N, C-alpha and C. Protein backbone atom coordinates (compact mmCIF):
# COMPACT_ATOMS: atom_id res chain seq x y z
N MET A 1 32.41 20.70 24.05
CA MET A 1 31.80 21.05 22.79
C MET A 1 30.40 20.45 22.67
N ASN A 2 30.20 19.34 23.34
CA ASN A 2 28.91 18.68 23.29
C ASN A 2 27.83 19.52 23.97
N TRP A 3 28.24 20.23 25.03
CA TRP A 3 27.28 21.08 25.74
C TRP A 3 26.82 22.24 24.87
N LEU A 4 27.67 22.71 23.96
CA LEU A 4 27.30 23.79 23.05
C LEU A 4 26.22 23.33 22.07
N ASN A 5 26.36 22.14 21.57
CA ASN A 5 25.33 21.58 20.68
C ASN A 5 24.01 21.40 21.42
N ASP A 6 24.14 20.94 22.67
CA ASP A 6 22.92 20.78 23.48
C ASP A 6 22.23 22.13 23.71
N LEU A 7 23.01 23.14 24.01
CA LEU A 7 22.45 24.48 24.25
C LEU A 7 21.80 25.03 22.99
N LEU A 8 22.45 24.90 21.86
CA LEU A 8 21.88 25.37 20.61
C LEU A 8 20.61 24.61 20.25
N SER A 9 20.59 23.32 20.50
CA SER A 9 19.39 22.52 20.24
C SER A 9 18.25 22.97 21.15
N PHE A 10 18.58 23.24 22.42
CA PHE A 10 17.57 23.72 23.37
C PHE A 10 17.00 25.07 22.93
N LEU A 11 17.85 26.00 22.54
CA LEU A 11 17.40 27.32 22.10
C LEU A 11 16.58 27.23 20.82
N ALA A 12 16.95 26.34 19.91
CA ALA A 12 16.17 26.15 18.69
C ALA A 12 14.79 25.59 19.03
N GLY A 13 14.73 24.67 19.97
CA GLY A 13 13.45 24.12 20.41
C GLY A 13 12.56 25.17 21.04
N VAL A 14 13.16 26.03 21.88
CA VAL A 14 12.40 27.12 22.50
C VAL A 14 11.89 28.07 21.43
N GLY A 15 12.71 28.36 20.46
CA GLY A 15 12.29 29.25 19.37
C GLY A 15 11.14 28.67 18.58
N LEU A 16 11.22 27.39 18.28
CA LEU A 16 10.15 26.76 17.51
C LEU A 16 8.86 26.63 18.33
N ARG A 17 8.99 26.31 19.59
CA ARG A 17 7.81 26.07 20.42
C ARG A 17 7.17 27.35 20.96
N LEU A 18 7.93 28.38 21.20
CA LEU A 18 7.39 29.59 21.84
C LEU A 18 7.44 30.83 20.95
N LEU A 19 8.60 31.15 20.45
CA LEU A 19 8.77 32.42 19.78
C LEU A 19 8.01 32.51 18.46
N ILE A 20 8.02 31.44 17.68
CA ILE A 20 7.31 31.48 16.40
C ILE A 20 5.80 31.59 16.60
N PRO A 21 5.16 30.80 17.47
CA PRO A 21 3.72 31.00 17.69
C PRO A 21 3.36 32.38 18.24
N ILE A 22 4.21 32.91 19.11
CA ILE A 22 3.96 34.25 19.64
C ILE A 22 4.07 35.29 18.53
N ALA A 23 5.05 35.15 17.66
CA ALA A 23 5.21 36.09 16.55
C ALA A 23 4.04 35.99 15.58
N VAL A 24 3.57 34.79 15.31
CA VAL A 24 2.42 34.62 14.40
C VAL A 24 1.17 35.23 15.04
N THR A 25 0.97 35.01 16.33
CA THR A 25 -0.17 35.59 17.03
C THR A 25 -0.12 37.11 17.00
N ALA A 26 1.06 37.68 17.24
CA ALA A 26 1.20 39.14 17.20
C ALA A 26 0.91 39.68 15.80
N LEU A 27 1.33 38.97 14.77
CA LEU A 27 1.05 39.39 13.40
C LEU A 27 -0.44 39.35 13.11
N VAL A 28 -1.12 38.31 13.55
CA VAL A 28 -2.57 38.21 13.34
C VAL A 28 -3.29 39.34 14.08
N ILE A 29 -2.88 39.63 15.29
CA ILE A 29 -3.49 40.74 16.05
C ILE A 29 -3.29 42.05 15.32
N PHE A 30 -2.08 42.28 14.84
CA PHE A 30 -1.79 43.52 14.11
C PHE A 30 -2.67 43.65 12.87
N LEU A 31 -2.79 42.57 12.10
CA LEU A 31 -3.60 42.62 10.88
C LEU A 31 -5.09 42.79 11.18
N LEU A 32 -5.59 42.15 12.22
CA LEU A 32 -6.99 42.31 12.59
C LEU A 32 -7.30 43.73 13.08
N ARG A 33 -6.37 44.33 13.79
CA ARG A 33 -6.57 45.72 14.23
C ARG A 33 -6.59 46.69 13.05
N ARG A 34 -5.73 46.44 12.07
CA ARG A 34 -5.75 47.28 10.87
C ARG A 34 -7.07 47.12 10.11
N LEU A 35 -7.55 45.90 10.01
CA LEU A 35 -8.81 45.64 9.34
C LEU A 35 -9.96 46.30 10.09
N ASP A 36 -9.96 46.21 11.42
CA ASP A 36 -11.01 46.85 12.21
C ASP A 36 -10.98 48.36 12.04
N ALA A 37 -9.79 48.96 12.05
CA ALA A 37 -9.68 50.41 11.86
C ALA A 37 -10.20 50.81 10.49
N ARG A 38 -9.93 49.99 9.49
CA ARG A 38 -10.43 50.28 8.14
C ARG A 38 -11.95 50.22 8.09
N TRP A 39 -12.52 49.22 8.75
CA TRP A 39 -13.98 49.10 8.79
C TRP A 39 -14.60 50.25 9.58
N GLN A 40 -13.98 50.62 10.69
CA GLN A 40 -14.50 51.72 11.50
C GLN A 40 -14.46 53.04 10.73
N ALA A 41 -13.44 53.24 9.95
CA ALA A 41 -13.34 54.48 9.17
C ALA A 41 -14.43 54.53 8.10
N GLY A 42 -14.83 53.38 7.60
CA GLY A 42 -15.85 53.34 6.56
C GLY A 42 -17.26 53.50 7.08
N THR A 43 -17.49 53.27 8.36
CA THR A 43 -18.83 53.34 8.93
C THR A 43 -18.82 54.19 10.18
N SER A 44 -18.83 55.46 10.02
CA SER A 44 -18.87 56.37 11.16
C SER A 44 -20.32 56.57 11.60
N PRO A 45 -20.63 56.36 12.89
CA PRO A 45 -22.01 56.51 13.34
C PRO A 45 -22.50 57.95 13.29
N ASP A 46 -21.59 58.92 13.29
CA ASP A 46 -21.99 60.32 13.26
C ASP A 46 -22.30 60.80 11.85
N ALA A 47 -21.85 60.06 10.86
CA ALA A 47 -22.04 60.50 9.48
C ALA A 47 -23.50 60.30 9.06
N ALA A 48 -24.06 61.31 8.46
CA ALA A 48 -25.42 61.22 7.96
C ALA A 48 -25.42 60.41 6.67
N PRO A 49 -26.52 59.73 6.38
CA PRO A 49 -26.58 58.98 5.12
C PRO A 49 -26.39 59.90 3.93
N ALA A 50 -25.77 59.39 2.89
CA ALA A 50 -25.46 60.21 1.71
C ALA A 50 -26.72 60.73 1.04
N GLN A 51 -27.71 59.86 0.87
CA GLN A 51 -28.95 60.27 0.22
C GLN A 51 -30.10 59.87 1.14
N LYS A 52 -30.40 60.70 2.10
CA LYS A 52 -31.46 60.38 3.04
C LYS A 52 -32.82 60.51 2.35
N THR A 53 -33.59 59.44 2.45
CA THR A 53 -34.95 59.47 1.93
C THR A 53 -35.78 60.23 2.96
N VAL A 54 -36.40 61.28 2.54
CA VAL A 54 -37.15 62.13 3.46
C VAL A 54 -38.56 61.56 3.61
N CYS A 55 -38.81 60.99 4.76
CA CYS A 55 -40.05 60.28 5.05
C CYS A 55 -41.28 61.18 4.89
N TRP A 56 -41.20 62.37 5.46
CA TRP A 56 -42.39 63.23 5.46
C TRP A 56 -42.75 63.71 4.07
N LYS A 57 -41.79 63.74 3.14
CA LYS A 57 -42.11 64.11 1.76
C LYS A 57 -42.86 62.97 1.06
N VAL A 58 -42.38 61.75 1.26
CA VAL A 58 -43.01 60.60 0.62
C VAL A 58 -44.41 60.37 1.18
N LYS A 59 -44.55 60.52 2.48
CA LYS A 59 -45.86 60.29 3.12
C LYS A 59 -46.74 61.53 3.12
N ALA A 60 -46.22 62.67 2.67
CA ALA A 60 -46.95 63.94 2.62
C ALA A 60 -47.50 64.32 3.99
N CYS A 61 -46.64 64.30 4.99
CA CYS A 61 -47.05 64.65 6.35
C CYS A 61 -47.21 66.16 6.48
N PRO A 62 -48.22 66.62 7.21
CA PRO A 62 -48.38 68.05 7.44
C PRO A 62 -47.28 68.56 8.37
N GLU A 63 -47.07 69.86 8.35
CA GLU A 63 -45.99 70.45 9.14
C GLU A 63 -46.18 70.24 10.63
N ALA A 64 -47.41 70.23 11.09
CA ALA A 64 -47.67 70.01 12.51
C ALA A 64 -47.19 68.63 12.96
N THR A 65 -47.35 67.65 12.10
CA THR A 65 -46.89 66.31 12.41
C THR A 65 -45.37 66.24 12.38
N ARG A 66 -44.76 66.94 11.43
CA ARG A 66 -43.30 66.94 11.31
C ARG A 66 -42.62 67.54 12.53
N LYS A 67 -43.22 68.56 13.12
CA LYS A 67 -42.60 69.22 14.27
C LYS A 67 -42.47 68.28 15.46
N SER A 68 -43.40 67.34 15.60
CA SER A 68 -43.35 66.44 16.75
C SER A 68 -42.75 65.07 16.40
N CYS A 69 -42.32 64.88 15.17
CA CYS A 69 -41.81 63.57 14.72
C CYS A 69 -40.32 63.45 15.01
N ARG A 70 -39.93 62.37 15.66
CA ARG A 70 -38.50 62.14 15.96
C ARG A 70 -37.69 61.89 14.70
N ALA A 71 -38.28 61.25 13.71
CA ALA A 71 -37.56 60.94 12.48
C ALA A 71 -37.25 62.19 11.67
N ALA A 72 -38.14 63.17 11.70
CA ALA A 72 -37.91 64.40 10.95
C ALA A 72 -36.76 65.21 11.55
N LYS A 73 -36.50 65.03 12.83
CA LYS A 73 -35.42 65.77 13.50
C LYS A 73 -34.08 65.04 13.48
N SER A 74 -34.10 63.78 13.07
CA SER A 74 -32.90 62.94 13.12
C SER A 74 -32.18 62.91 11.77
N ASN A 75 -30.89 62.64 11.82
CA ASN A 75 -30.10 62.43 10.60
C ASN A 75 -30.23 61.01 10.08
N MET A 76 -30.76 60.13 10.92
CA MET A 76 -30.90 58.73 10.52
C MET A 76 -32.19 58.55 9.74
N PRO A 77 -32.26 57.49 8.94
CA PRO A 77 -33.52 57.18 8.24
C PRO A 77 -34.62 56.86 9.26
N CYS A 78 -35.86 57.08 8.86
CA CYS A 78 -36.97 56.93 9.80
C CYS A 78 -37.08 55.51 10.35
N TRP A 79 -36.79 54.50 9.54
CA TRP A 79 -36.91 53.13 10.04
C TRP A 79 -35.86 52.82 11.09
N GLN A 80 -34.74 53.55 11.09
CA GLN A 80 -33.74 53.38 12.13
C GLN A 80 -34.19 54.06 13.43
N VAL A 81 -34.86 55.19 13.29
CA VAL A 81 -35.33 55.92 14.46
C VAL A 81 -36.40 55.13 15.20
N PHE A 82 -37.27 54.46 14.46
CA PHE A 82 -38.41 53.76 15.06
C PHE A 82 -38.17 52.27 15.25
N ARG A 83 -36.92 51.84 15.35
CA ARG A 83 -36.64 50.42 15.60
C ARG A 83 -37.23 49.99 16.94
N GLN A 84 -37.59 48.72 17.02
CA GLN A 84 -38.09 48.18 18.28
C GLN A 84 -36.93 48.03 19.25
N GLN A 85 -37.22 47.81 20.53
CA GLN A 85 -36.17 47.72 21.54
C GLN A 85 -35.25 46.53 21.33
N ASN A 86 -35.74 45.49 20.70
CA ASN A 86 -34.89 44.32 20.44
C ASN A 86 -34.03 44.49 19.19
N GLY A 87 -34.16 45.62 18.50
CA GLY A 87 -33.35 45.91 17.33
C GLY A 87 -34.01 45.60 16.01
N TYR A 88 -35.16 44.93 16.05
CA TYR A 88 -35.87 44.59 14.81
C TYR A 88 -36.59 45.80 14.26
N LEU A 89 -36.76 45.79 12.95
CA LEU A 89 -37.57 46.83 12.31
C LEU A 89 -39.04 46.51 12.51
N LYS A 90 -39.84 47.55 12.59
CA LYS A 90 -41.28 47.34 12.70
C LYS A 90 -41.81 46.78 11.39
N GLU A 91 -42.87 45.99 11.50
CA GLU A 91 -43.47 45.38 10.32
C GLU A 91 -43.96 46.44 9.34
N GLU A 92 -44.50 47.53 9.86
CA GLU A 92 -45.01 48.59 8.98
C GLU A 92 -43.87 49.29 8.23
N CYS A 93 -42.67 49.33 8.81
CA CYS A 93 -41.52 49.93 8.13
C CYS A 93 -41.06 49.07 6.95
N LEU A 94 -41.14 47.76 7.13
CA LEU A 94 -40.70 46.85 6.06
C LEU A 94 -41.58 46.95 4.82
N LYS A 95 -42.83 47.36 5.00
CA LYS A 95 -43.76 47.47 3.88
C LYS A 95 -43.89 48.91 3.37
N CYS A 96 -43.25 49.84 4.03
CA CYS A 96 -43.39 51.27 3.71
C CYS A 96 -42.60 51.63 2.44
N ASN A 97 -43.16 52.52 1.63
CA ASN A 97 -42.49 52.97 0.41
C ASN A 97 -41.19 53.71 0.70
N VAL A 98 -41.12 54.39 1.83
CA VAL A 98 -39.89 55.12 2.18
C VAL A 98 -38.74 54.12 2.34
N PHE A 99 -39.01 53.03 3.03
CA PHE A 99 -37.98 51.99 3.23
C PHE A 99 -37.66 51.28 1.91
N LEU A 100 -38.67 50.97 1.15
CA LEU A 100 -38.47 50.23 -0.09
C LEU A 100 -37.77 51.05 -1.18
N GLN A 101 -37.96 52.38 -1.17
CA GLN A 101 -37.35 53.24 -2.18
C GLN A 101 -35.97 53.76 -1.76
N ALA A 102 -35.58 53.49 -0.54
CA ALA A 102 -34.30 54.02 -0.05
C ALA A 102 -33.13 53.36 -0.79
N PRO A 103 -32.08 54.13 -1.08
CA PRO A 103 -30.92 53.54 -1.75
C PRO A 103 -30.22 52.56 -0.82
N ALA A 104 -29.65 51.54 -1.39
CA ALA A 104 -28.91 50.54 -0.60
C ALA A 104 -27.64 51.17 -0.06
N ALA A 105 -27.23 50.72 1.12
CA ALA A 105 -26.02 51.23 1.73
C ALA A 105 -24.81 50.83 0.90
N THR A 106 -23.87 51.76 0.75
CA THR A 106 -22.64 51.47 0.02
C THR A 106 -21.48 51.48 0.98
N ASP A 107 -20.44 50.71 0.65
CA ASP A 107 -19.26 50.63 1.53
C ASP A 107 -18.28 51.70 1.23
């Protein structure tokens, strides 16, 4: 009978030391994946902005300039199209009325 108590004590120790941390880790992974899926659904890269500020209207660009402009052909705002290679916005974009008048992003 003593060996049965020893076996049960051993199994309880294994459960406390291994199974509970593994279960908690699996639960955290599950919850983080759900959170990530929720965030991904809210920010689709293919979705056009709800209220795109039209750069060429604000700056009154002629049609000849619009035809060759990458921002006029894109669904993204002009400051996103003309980002620098390191990801920063250009200084002229930060001071531009198109950027300053654009609606803030909503979640």
